[in-house]
Amino acid sequence: KHQDALLLLLALSLGLASTQETLEEVPVQPGFDAQKVEGRWLTMQLATSHKDLVLPTDPLRLALHSIQTKEGGDVELVLFWIGEEVCRGMNVTVHPAGRPGQYQDSSVGGSMHICFVSTDYSNLILYVRLEDVEVTSLWALLARTMLEDPMWLGRYLEYVEKFHLQKVLVFNVAGQPAQ
């Protein structure tokens, strides 16, 4: 019985691991131009490989505010932690890696990979892979305005289904309108 339990645990672990995408499986926008994604973005949809990553009861929320480019081709994500009496900004800089539209950083205790999967520069599908003790994947559908485009939502949901992701709550930083 102990051996059967171990085999079941191994089978479950392998099944969960097989739902994790590799960087090679994640497409990147052909002809990606980082300067065109600069500016304010709103999160329309968010999904993750770990459903407990964003719990409705968690008092702190992480929200993407904007994307900026820096010298040397780096990209900076401007994020905010928002909660009861808390609003703290955080800038995360990622460096070009591999194909245009792929970025990485390994200064946060693990490694982070970001892929600009698909964009028309008004809508954006963004993939974030965090690796430390375990691998966590985040997929976001971003837009410049709060009007959700059905075509982009359909594209995004194809990835959610393909990689067996869990939808999670979305939070945006209030006060600054989309440009």
Protein backbone atom coordinates (compact mmCIF):
# COMPACT_ATOMS: atom_id res chain seq x y z
CA LYS A 1 0.00 0.00 0.00
CA HIS A 2 2.87 2.36 0.76
CA GLN A 3 4.34 1.67 -2.69
CA ASP A 4 0.94 2.27 -4.34
CA ALA A 5 0.66 5.63 -2.55
CA LEU A 6 4.14 6.62 -3.74
CA LEU A 7 3.29 5.65 -7.33
CA LEU A 8 0.07 7.68 -7.16
CA LEU A 9 1.97 10.68 -5.78
CA LEU A 10 4.58 10.35 -8.54
CA ALA A 11 1.88 10.08 -11.22
CA LEU A 12 0.11 13.18 -9.88
CA SER A 13 3.40 15.09 -9.73
CA LEU A 14 4.26 14.16 -13.30
CA GLY A 15 0.78 15.13 -14.44
CA LEU A 16 1.10 18.56 -12.82
CA ALA A 17 4.60 19.02 -14.21
CA SER A 18 3.38 18.22 -17.71
CA THR A 19 0.92 21.13 -17.55
CA GLN A 20 3.83 23.56 -17.03
CA GLU A 21 4.90 25.14 -20.28
CA THR A 22 8.55 25.46 -21.22
CA LEU A 23 9.92 28.71 -22.60
CA GLU A 24 10.24 27.04 -26.00
CA GLU A 25 6.47 26.36 -26.02
CA VAL A 26 5.62 30.02 -25.41
CA PRO A 27 5.45 32.10 -28.60
CA VAL A 28 6.87 35.60 -28.89
CA GLN A 29 5.40 38.46 -30.93
CA PRO A 30 7.16 38.53 -34.33
CA GLY A 31 8.92 41.87 -34.91
CA PHE A 32 8.37 42.87 -31.27
CA ASP A 33 9.17 46.56 -30.56
CA ALA A 34 9.58 47.20 -26.82
CA GLN A 35 9.23 50.97 -27.20
CA LYS A 36 5.69 50.51 -28.52
CA VAL A 37 4.58 48.80 -25.29
CA GLU A 38 5.74 51.71 -23.15
CA GLY A 39 3.09 53.37 -21.02
CA ARG A 40 0.06 52.58 -18.91
CA TRP A 41 -1.56 49.12 -19.07
CA LEU A 42 -4.67 47.71 -17.41
CA THR A 43 -5.00 44.04 -16.51
CA MET A 44 -8.12 42.58 -18.13
CA GLN A 45 -7.57 38.89 -17.31
CA LEU A 46 -5.06 36.97 -15.20
CA ALA A 47 -4.43 33.24 -14.90
CA THR A 48 -1.82 31.20 -13.08
CA SER A 49 -0.51 27.68 -12.73
CA HIS A 50 -1.11 27.94 -8.93
CA LYS A 51 -4.67 28.88 -8.04
CA ASP A 52 -3.67 29.75 -4.46
CA LEU A 53 -1.24 32.41 -5.69
CA VAL A 54 -3.92 35.12 -5.60
CA LEU A 55 -6.53 34.42 -2.93
CA PRO A 56 -9.68 36.56 -2.54
CA THR A 57 -8.95 36.81 1.21
CA ASP A 58 -5.38 38.10 0.78
CA PRO A 59 -5.29 41.75 1.94
CA LEU A 60 -2.40 42.66 -0.41
CA ARG A 61 -2.85 42.88 -4.19
CA LEU A 62 -0.17 43.23 -6.82
CA ALA A 63 -1.09 45.37 -9.82
CA LEU A 64 0.83 46.24 -12.97
CA HIS A 65 0.84 49.97 -13.59
CA SER A 66 3.04 50.51 -16.63
CA ILE A 67 5.90 49.30 -18.78
CA GLN A 68 8.97 51.39 -19.63
CA THR A 69 12.07 50.76 -21.74
CA LYS A 70 15.57 51.54 -20.54
CA GLU A 71 19.02 51.86 -22.07
CA GLY A 72 20.54 48.67 -23.36
CA GLY A 73 17.16 47.21 -24.32
CA ASP A 74 16.02 46.50 -20.75
CA VAL A 75 12.32 46.67 -19.89
CA GLU A 76 10.99 47.94 -16.56
CA LEU A 77 7.65 46.86 -15.13
CA VAL A 78 6.15 49.34 -12.67
CA LEU A 79 4.10 47.40 -10.11
CA PHE A 80 2.17 48.39 -7.00
CA TRP A 81 1.38 46.44 -3.84
CA ILE A 82 -2.06 47.63 -2.74
CA GLY A 83 -3.86 46.80 0.51
CA GLU A 84 -5.44 48.27 3.59
CA GLU A 85 -3.48 51.48 4.21
CA VAL A 86 -0.69 50.19 1.94
CA CYS A 87 0.28 51.34 -1.53
CA ARG A 88 3.90 50.67 -2.36
CA GLY A 89 5.52 50.92 -5.76
CA MET A 90 8.09 48.47 -7.05
CA ASN A 91 10.08 48.53 -10.27
CA VAL A 92 11.25 45.26 -11.80
CA THR A 93 13.84 45.47 -14.56
CA VAL A 94 14.28 42.56 -16.95
CA HIS A 95 17.00 42.12 -19.55
CA PRO A 96 16.80 40.88 -23.16
CA ALA A 97 17.18 37.11 -23.42
CA GLY A 98 16.94 34.91 -26.47
CA ARG A 99 14.46 36.07 -29.08
CA PRO A 100 13.13 39.65 -29.30
CA GLY A 101 10.23 39.87 -26.83
CA GLN A 102 11.89 37.52 -24.29
CA TYR A 103 13.34 38.99 -21.10
CA GLN A 104 14.78 37.61 -17.87
CA ASP A 105 16.07 38.58 -14.45
CA SER A 106 17.69 36.50 -11.75
CA SER A 107 18.23 39.09 -9.01
CA VAL A 108 15.03 38.41 -7.03
CA GLY A 109 16.08 35.19 -5.26
CA GLY A 110 15.08 32.99 -8.17
CA SER A 111 14.65 33.70 -11.82
CA MET A 112 11.96 35.45 -13.77
CA HIS A 113 11.29 35.11 -17.49
CA ILE A 114 8.89 37.37 -19.37
CA CYS A 115 7.59 36.88 -22.90
CA PHE A 116 5.56 39.40 -24.85
CA VAL A 117 3.47 36.68 -26.49
CA SER A 118 1.21 38.70 -28.76
CA THR A 119 0.37 42.37 -29.15
CA ASP A 120 -1.09 44.98 -31.44
CA TYR A 121 0.30 47.58 -28.97
CA SER A 122 -3.23 48.33 -27.73
CA ASN A 123 -3.74 44.80 -26.36
CA LEU A 124 -1.05 42.54 -24.99
CA ILE A 125 -0.74 38.92 -23.88
CA LEU A 126 2.10 38.70 -21.37
CA TYR A 127 3.67 35.53 -19.97
CA VAL A 128 5.67 35.56 -16.71
CA ARG A 129 7.52 32.50 -15.40
CA LEU A 130 8.87 32.64 -11.85
CA GLU A 131 11.32 29.95 -10.75
CA ASP A 132 12.50 29.49 -7.19
CA VAL A 133 11.64 26.40 -5.15
CA GLU A 134 8.87 25.75 -7.66
CA VAL A 135 7.82 27.08 -11.04
CA THR A 136 4.88 29.47 -11.25
CA SER A 137 3.42 30.70 -14.52
CA LEU A 138 1.30 33.81 -14.91
CA TRP A 139 -0.53 34.80 -18.08
CA ALA A 140 -2.05 38.27 -18.36
CA LEU A 141 -4.29 39.92 -20.91
CA LEU A 142 -3.50 43.64 -20.81
CA ALA A 143 -5.13 46.57 -22.59
CA ARG A 144 -4.71 50.32 -22.81
CA THR A 145 -8.41 50.89 -21.98
CA MET A 146 -11.02 48.99 -19.96
CA LEU A 147 -12.80 47.90 -23.14
CA GLU A 148 -12.16 44.16 -23.51
CA ASP A 149 -11.61 43.13 -27.14
CA PRO A 150 -13.38 39.76 -27.83
CA MET A 151 -10.70 38.71 -30.35
CA TRP A 152 -7.90 39.24 -27.83
CA LEU A 153 -9.90 37.58 -25.06
CA GLY A 154 -10.34 34.54 -27.32
CA ARG A 155 -6.60 34.34 -28.03
CA TYR A 156 -5.81 34.65 -24.33
CA LEU A 157 -8.34 31.97 -23.31
CA GLU A 158 -6.72 29.55 -25.77
CA TYR A 159 -3.51 29.76 -23.71
CA VAL A 160 -5.44 29.40 -20.44
CA GLU A 161 -6.99 26.19 -21.76
CA LYS A 162 -3.83 24.85 -23.43
CA PHE A 163 -1.72 25.20 -20.28
CA HIS A 164 -4.48 24.25 -17.78
CA LEU A 165 -4.34 27.57 -15.93
CA GLN A 166 -6.59 28.86 -13.17
CA LYS A 167 -8.22 32.29 -13.53
CA VAL A 168 -7.50 34.61 -10.61
CA LEU A 169 -8.77 37.98 -9.44
CA VAL A 170 -7.61 41.07 -11.34
CA PHE A 171 -6.58 44.34 -9.71
CA ASN A 172 -5.64 47.61 -11.35
CA VAL A 173 -4.17 50.78 -9.89
CA ALA A 174 -6.89 53.44 -9.75
CA GLY A 175 -6.47 57.12 -10.27
CA GLN A 176 -4.60 57.29 -13.55
CA PRO A 177 -6.63 56.80 -16.70
CA ALA A 178 -5.37 54.65 -19.55
CA GLN A 179 -3.70 56.67 -22.29
